[in-house]
Amino acid sequence: MTFHLVLLAWVFFRAADVGVALAVIGKICAAPATEPFVRPAMRLTCLMGLLLLYEWAQRRQPHAMQVQWWWPTARWAFYYGLVGAILLACQLNYTPFIYFQF
């Protein structure tokens, strides 16, 4: 509940005025009924599926990254692959800090 209230407050905080904020909230509420479903990118879906599969395979460990029984080469390849997957999924364009709009 708190999370959703904070998200609602962010709409008003980011909007230029109350009218714009209410228009955004109206579009958010109307979007499920009027907009078609947008499928996520296949690359991100596959990455999420692989991470979910790995998490499930490590379910009996205290934490998912506990792979001491792997050979060091395989373990480091996994770590670098995980970092690469994170970099593929991240957004690399510049977004100005929120308070610079005021």
N, C-alpha and C. Protein backbone atom coordinates (compact mmCIF):
# COMPACT_ATOMS: atom_id res chain seq x y z
N MET A 1 0.83 -1.19 0.00
CA MET A 1 0.00 0.00 0.00
C MET A 1 0.88 1.26 0.00
N THR A 2 1.88 1.27 0.87
CA THR A 2 2.77 2.43 0.96
C THR A 2 3.50 2.65 -0.37
N PHE A 3 3.96 1.57 -0.96
CA PHE A 3 4.67 1.66 -2.24
C PHE A 3 3.80 2.34 -3.29
N HIS A 4 2.54 1.95 -3.39
CA HIS A 4 1.65 2.53 -4.39
C HIS A 4 1.35 4.00 -4.09
N LEU A 5 1.23 4.34 -2.84
CA LEU A 5 1.02 5.75 -2.50
C LEU A 5 2.24 6.60 -2.86
N VAL A 6 3.42 6.05 -2.65
CA VAL A 6 4.64 6.78 -3.03
C VAL A 6 4.69 6.95 -4.55
N LEU A 7 4.34 5.91 -5.30
CA LEU A 7 4.31 6.05 -6.75
C LEU A 7 3.31 7.10 -7.21
N LEU A 8 2.17 7.13 -6.57
CA LEU A 8 1.17 8.14 -6.89
C LEU A 8 1.70 9.54 -6.57
N ALA A 9 2.38 9.69 -5.44
CA ALA A 9 2.95 10.99 -5.08
C ALA A 9 4.02 11.42 -6.08
N TRP A 10 4.78 10.46 -6.62
CA TRP A 10 5.82 10.79 -7.61
C TRP A 10 5.21 11.39 -8.87
N VAL A 11 4.03 10.95 -9.23
CA VAL A 11 3.38 11.53 -10.42
C VAL A 11 3.15 13.02 -10.21
N PHE A 12 2.66 13.39 -9.04
CA PHE A 12 2.43 14.81 -8.75
C PHE A 12 3.75 15.56 -8.60
N PHE A 13 4.75 14.90 -8.06
CA PHE A 13 6.04 15.55 -7.85
C PHE A 13 6.73 15.86 -9.18
N ARG A 14 6.62 14.93 -10.14
CA ARG A 14 7.30 15.10 -11.42
C ARG A 14 6.53 15.96 -12.42
N ALA A 15 5.24 16.10 -12.24
CA ALA A 15 4.42 16.82 -13.21
C ALA A 15 4.65 18.33 -13.12
N ALA A 16 4.43 18.99 -14.24
CA ALA A 16 4.60 20.45 -14.27
C ALA A 16 3.54 21.16 -13.44
N ASP A 17 2.32 20.64 -13.46
CA ASP A 17 1.23 21.20 -12.63
C ASP A 17 0.23 20.09 -12.32
N VAL A 18 -0.80 20.42 -11.56
CA VAL A 18 -1.78 19.43 -11.12
C VAL A 18 -2.57 18.87 -12.31
N GLY A 19 -2.86 19.70 -13.28
CA GLY A 19 -3.60 19.24 -14.46
C GLY A 19 -2.85 18.15 -15.22
N VAL A 20 -1.57 18.35 -15.39
CA VAL A 20 -0.75 17.35 -16.07
C VAL A 20 -0.71 16.07 -15.24
N ALA A 21 -0.57 16.21 -13.93
CA ALA A 21 -0.53 15.02 -13.06
C ALA A 21 -1.83 14.24 -13.15
N LEU A 22 -2.96 14.93 -13.14
CA LEU A 22 -4.25 14.24 -13.25
C LEU A 22 -4.41 13.58 -14.63
N ALA A 23 -3.89 14.21 -15.67
CA ALA A 23 -3.94 13.60 -17.00
C ALA A 23 -3.10 12.32 -17.04
N VAL A 24 -1.93 12.34 -16.43
CA VAL A 24 -1.08 11.15 -16.38
C VAL A 24 -1.78 10.04 -15.60
N ILE A 25 -2.36 10.37 -14.47
CA ILE A 25 -3.07 9.36 -13.68
C ILE A 25 -4.26 8.80 -14.46
N GLY A 26 -4.95 9.66 -15.19
CA GLY A 26 -6.05 9.18 -16.03
C GLY A 26 -5.58 8.22 -17.10
N LYS A 27 -4.44 8.51 -17.71
CA LYS A 27 -3.89 7.60 -18.73
C LYS A 27 -3.45 6.28 -18.11
N ILE A 28 -2.89 6.35 -16.91
CA ILE A 28 -2.48 5.12 -16.23
C ILE A 28 -3.69 4.25 -15.93
N CYS A 29 -4.75 4.85 -15.47
CA CYS A 29 -5.96 4.08 -15.13
C CYS A 29 -6.66 3.55 -16.37
N ALA A 30 -6.60 4.27 -17.48
CA ALA A 30 -7.29 3.86 -18.69
C ALA A 30 -6.45 2.92 -19.55
N ALA A 31 -5.16 2.88 -19.34
CA ALA A 31 -4.27 2.11 -20.21
C ALA A 31 -4.59 0.63 -20.27
N PRO A 32 -4.89 -0.05 -19.17
CA PRO A 32 -5.17 -1.49 -19.30
C PRO A 32 -6.37 -1.80 -20.18
N ALA A 33 -7.33 -0.92 -20.24
CA ALA A 33 -8.53 -1.18 -21.03
C ALA A 33 -8.39 -0.75 -22.48
N THR A 34 -7.56 0.27 -22.75
CA THR A 34 -7.51 0.82 -24.10
C THR A 34 -6.25 0.48 -24.88
N GLU A 35 -5.17 0.13 -24.20
CA GLU A 35 -3.90 -0.13 -24.89
C GLU A 35 -3.69 -1.62 -25.09
N PRO A 36 -3.09 -2.01 -26.21
CA PRO A 36 -2.79 -3.43 -26.40
C PRO A 36 -1.62 -3.85 -25.51
N PHE A 37 -1.55 -5.12 -25.21
CA PHE A 37 -0.46 -5.66 -24.38
C PHE A 37 0.84 -5.59 -25.16
N VAL A 38 1.87 -5.05 -24.54
CA VAL A 38 3.18 -4.95 -25.17
C VAL A 38 4.07 -6.05 -24.60
N ARG A 39 4.57 -6.90 -25.49
CA ARG A 39 5.42 -7.99 -25.03
C ARG A 39 6.82 -7.47 -24.75
N PRO A 40 7.45 -7.94 -23.66
CA PRO A 40 8.80 -7.49 -23.36
C PRO A 40 9.80 -8.05 -24.37
N ALA A 41 10.96 -7.44 -24.45
CA ALA A 41 11.99 -7.88 -25.38
C ALA A 41 12.39 -9.32 -25.07
N MET A 42 12.60 -10.12 -26.10
CA MET A 42 12.93 -11.53 -25.92
C MET A 42 14.26 -11.69 -25.17
N ARG A 43 15.21 -10.82 -25.43
CA ARG A 43 16.51 -10.91 -24.76
C ARG A 43 16.36 -10.78 -23.25
N LEU A 44 15.58 -9.82 -22.81
CA LEU A 44 15.38 -9.63 -21.37
C LEU A 44 14.58 -10.77 -20.77
N THR A 45 13.61 -11.27 -21.51
CA THR A 45 12.82 -12.40 -21.02
C THR A 45 13.70 -13.63 -20.83
N CYS A 46 14.59 -13.88 -21.77
CA CYS A 46 15.50 -15.02 -21.65
C CYS A 46 16.47 -14.84 -20.48
N LEU A 47 17.00 -13.64 -20.30
CA LEU A 47 17.90 -13.39 -19.17
C LEU A 47 17.18 -13.59 -17.84
N MET A 48 15.96 -13.11 -17.74
CA MET A 48 15.20 -13.30 -16.50
C MET A 48 14.91 -14.77 -16.26
N GLY A 49 14.60 -15.50 -17.32
CA GLY A 49 14.34 -16.92 -17.19
C GLY A 49 15.57 -17.69 -16.73
N LEU A 50 16.74 -17.34 -17.28
CA LEU A 50 17.98 -18.00 -16.86
C LEU A 50 18.30 -17.71 -15.39
N LEU A 51 18.13 -16.47 -14.99
CA LEU A 51 18.39 -16.13 -13.59
C LEU A 51 17.39 -16.81 -12.66
N LEU A 52 16.14 -16.92 -13.07
CA LEU A 52 15.15 -17.62 -12.26
C LEU A 52 15.48 -19.11 -12.15
N LEU A 53 15.91 -19.71 -13.25
CA LEU A 53 16.30 -21.12 -13.24
C LEU A 53 17.50 -21.35 -12.33
N TYR A 54 18.48 -20.45 -12.39
CA TYR A 54 19.64 -20.58 -11.51
C TYR A 54 19.24 -20.41 -10.04
N GLU A 55 18.39 -19.46 -9.76
CA GLU A 55 17.92 -19.25 -8.39
C GLU A 55 17.19 -20.50 -7.87
N TRP A 56 16.40 -21.12 -8.71
CA TRP A 56 15.70 -22.33 -8.32
C TRP A 56 16.69 -23.48 -8.06
N ALA A 57 17.73 -23.59 -8.90
CA ALA A 57 18.71 -24.66 -8.73
C ALA A 57 19.51 -24.49 -7.44
N GLN A 58 19.67 -23.28 -6.97
CA GLN A 58 20.45 -22.99 -5.75
C GLN A 58 19.55 -22.85 -4.53
N ARG A 59 18.34 -23.33 -4.57
CA ARG A 59 17.36 -23.08 -3.51
C ARG A 59 17.75 -23.67 -2.17
N ARG A 60 18.62 -24.66 -2.13
CA ARG A 60 19.02 -25.27 -0.86
C ARG A 60 20.26 -24.63 -0.25
N GLN A 61 20.83 -23.67 -0.93
CA GLN A 61 22.02 -22.96 -0.44
C GLN A 61 21.58 -21.75 0.39
N PRO A 62 22.46 -21.28 1.30
CA PRO A 62 22.10 -20.09 2.07
C PRO A 62 21.85 -18.86 1.18
N HIS A 63 22.58 -18.75 0.08
CA HIS A 63 22.32 -17.70 -0.90
C HIS A 63 22.69 -18.22 -2.28
N ALA A 64 22.14 -17.60 -3.31
CA ALA A 64 22.23 -18.14 -4.67
C ALA A 64 23.64 -18.11 -5.25
N MET A 65 24.49 -17.21 -4.79
CA MET A 65 25.83 -17.09 -5.36
C MET A 65 26.84 -18.02 -4.70
N GLN A 66 26.41 -18.93 -3.88
CA GLN A 66 27.32 -19.86 -3.20
C GLN A 66 27.65 -21.00 -4.16
N VAL A 67 28.75 -20.85 -4.88
CA VAL A 67 29.16 -21.84 -5.88
C VAL A 67 30.62 -22.26 -5.65
N GLN A 68 31.03 -22.47 -4.41
CA GLN A 68 32.40 -22.83 -4.11
C GLN A 68 32.78 -24.19 -4.69
N TRP A 69 31.84 -25.07 -4.92
CA TRP A 69 32.13 -26.39 -5.43
C TRP A 69 32.44 -26.38 -6.92
N TRP A 70 32.21 -25.25 -7.62
CA TRP A 70 32.56 -25.15 -9.04
C TRP A 70 34.07 -24.97 -9.17
N TRP A 71 34.61 -25.35 -10.32
CA TRP A 71 36.01 -25.04 -10.60
C TRP A 71 36.17 -23.53 -10.67
N PRO A 72 37.32 -23.01 -10.26
CA PRO A 72 37.50 -21.54 -10.27
C PRO A 72 37.27 -20.92 -11.64
N THR A 73 37.69 -21.59 -12.70
CA THR A 73 37.49 -21.03 -14.04
C THR A 73 36.00 -20.92 -14.37
N ALA A 74 35.24 -21.95 -14.06
CA ALA A 74 33.80 -21.92 -14.32
C ALA A 74 33.11 -20.89 -13.45
N ARG A 75 33.57 -20.77 -12.20
CA ARG A 75 32.95 -19.81 -11.28
C ARG A 75 33.17 -18.39 -11.77
N TRP A 76 34.39 -18.07 -12.19
CA TRP A 76 34.67 -16.71 -12.68
C TRP A 76 33.99 -16.44 -14.01
N ALA A 77 33.87 -17.46 -14.84
CA ALA A 77 33.12 -17.28 -16.10
C ALA A 77 31.66 -16.97 -15.80
N PHE A 78 31.11 -17.64 -14.79
CA PHE A 78 29.73 -17.35 -14.39
C PHE A 78 29.60 -15.92 -13.87
N TYR A 79 30.54 -15.50 -13.03
CA TYR A 79 30.48 -14.13 -12.50
C TYR A 79 30.56 -13.10 -13.61
N TYR A 80 31.49 -13.29 -14.56
CA TYR A 80 31.61 -12.34 -15.67
C TYR A 80 30.37 -12.38 -16.56
N GLY A 81 29.81 -13.57 -16.76
CA GLY A 81 28.58 -13.67 -17.54
C GLY A 81 27.42 -12.96 -16.87
N LEU A 82 27.35 -13.05 -15.54
CA LEU A 82 26.30 -12.36 -14.80
C LEU A 82 26.46 -10.84 -14.91
N VAL A 83 27.68 -10.35 -14.80
CA VAL A 83 27.93 -8.92 -14.96
C VAL A 83 27.57 -8.48 -16.38
N GLY A 84 27.92 -9.30 -17.38
CA GLY A 84 27.57 -9.00 -18.76
C GLY A 84 26.07 -8.94 -18.97
N ALA A 85 25.35 -9.87 -18.34
CA ALA A 85 23.88 -9.87 -18.46
C ALA A 85 23.29 -8.62 -17.84
N ILE A 86 23.84 -8.20 -16.71
CA ILE A 86 23.36 -6.97 -16.07
C ILE A 86 23.62 -5.77 -16.96
N LEU A 87 24.81 -5.73 -17.58
CA LEU A 87 25.13 -4.60 -18.46
C LEU A 87 24.25 -4.60 -19.71
N LEU A 88 23.89 -5.78 -20.21
CA LEU A 88 22.99 -5.84 -21.37
C LEU A 88 21.60 -5.33 -21.02
N ALA A 89 21.18 -5.54 -19.80
CA ALA A 89 19.83 -5.16 -19.39
C ALA A 89 19.72 -3.73 -18.90
N CYS A 90 20.85 -3.08 -18.65
CA CYS A 90 20.77 -1.74 -18.06
C CYS A 90 20.54 -0.67 -19.12
N GLN A 91 20.11 0.46 -18.66
CA GLN A 91 19.86 1.61 -19.53
C GLN A 91 21.08 2.50 -19.47
N LEU A 92 21.70 2.77 -20.62
CA LEU A 92 22.96 3.48 -20.63
C LEU A 92 22.86 4.93 -21.10
N ASN A 93 21.66 5.45 -21.30
CA ASN A 93 21.56 6.85 -21.72
C ASN A 93 21.49 7.77 -20.50
N TYR A 94 21.80 9.02 -20.70
CA TYR A 94 21.85 10.00 -19.63
C TYR A 94 20.45 10.46 -19.25
N THR A 95 20.17 10.42 -17.96
CA THR A 95 18.92 10.94 -17.43
C THR A 95 19.27 11.97 -16.36
N PRO A 96 18.87 13.23 -16.53
CA PRO A 96 19.25 14.24 -15.53
C PRO A 96 18.59 13.97 -14.19
N PHE A 97 19.26 14.41 -13.17
CA PHE A 97 18.77 14.23 -11.81
C PHE A 97 17.45 14.96 -11.67
N ILE A 98 16.53 14.38 -10.93
CA ILE A 98 15.15 14.88 -10.83
C ILE A 98 15.07 16.32 -10.35
N TYR A 99 15.90 16.72 -9.43
CA TYR A 99 15.79 18.05 -8.83
C TYR A 99 16.30 19.15 -9.76
N PHE A 100 16.91 18.78 -10.89
CA PHE A 100 17.39 19.80 -11.82
C PHE A 100 16.25 20.43 -12.60
N GLN A 101 15.04 19.87 -12.55
CA GLN A 101 13.93 20.46 -13.31
C GLN A 101 13.36 21.68 -12.59
N PHE A 102 13.68 21.88 -11.32
CA PHE A 102 13.07 22.97 -10.57
C PHE A 102 13.89 24.22 -10.65
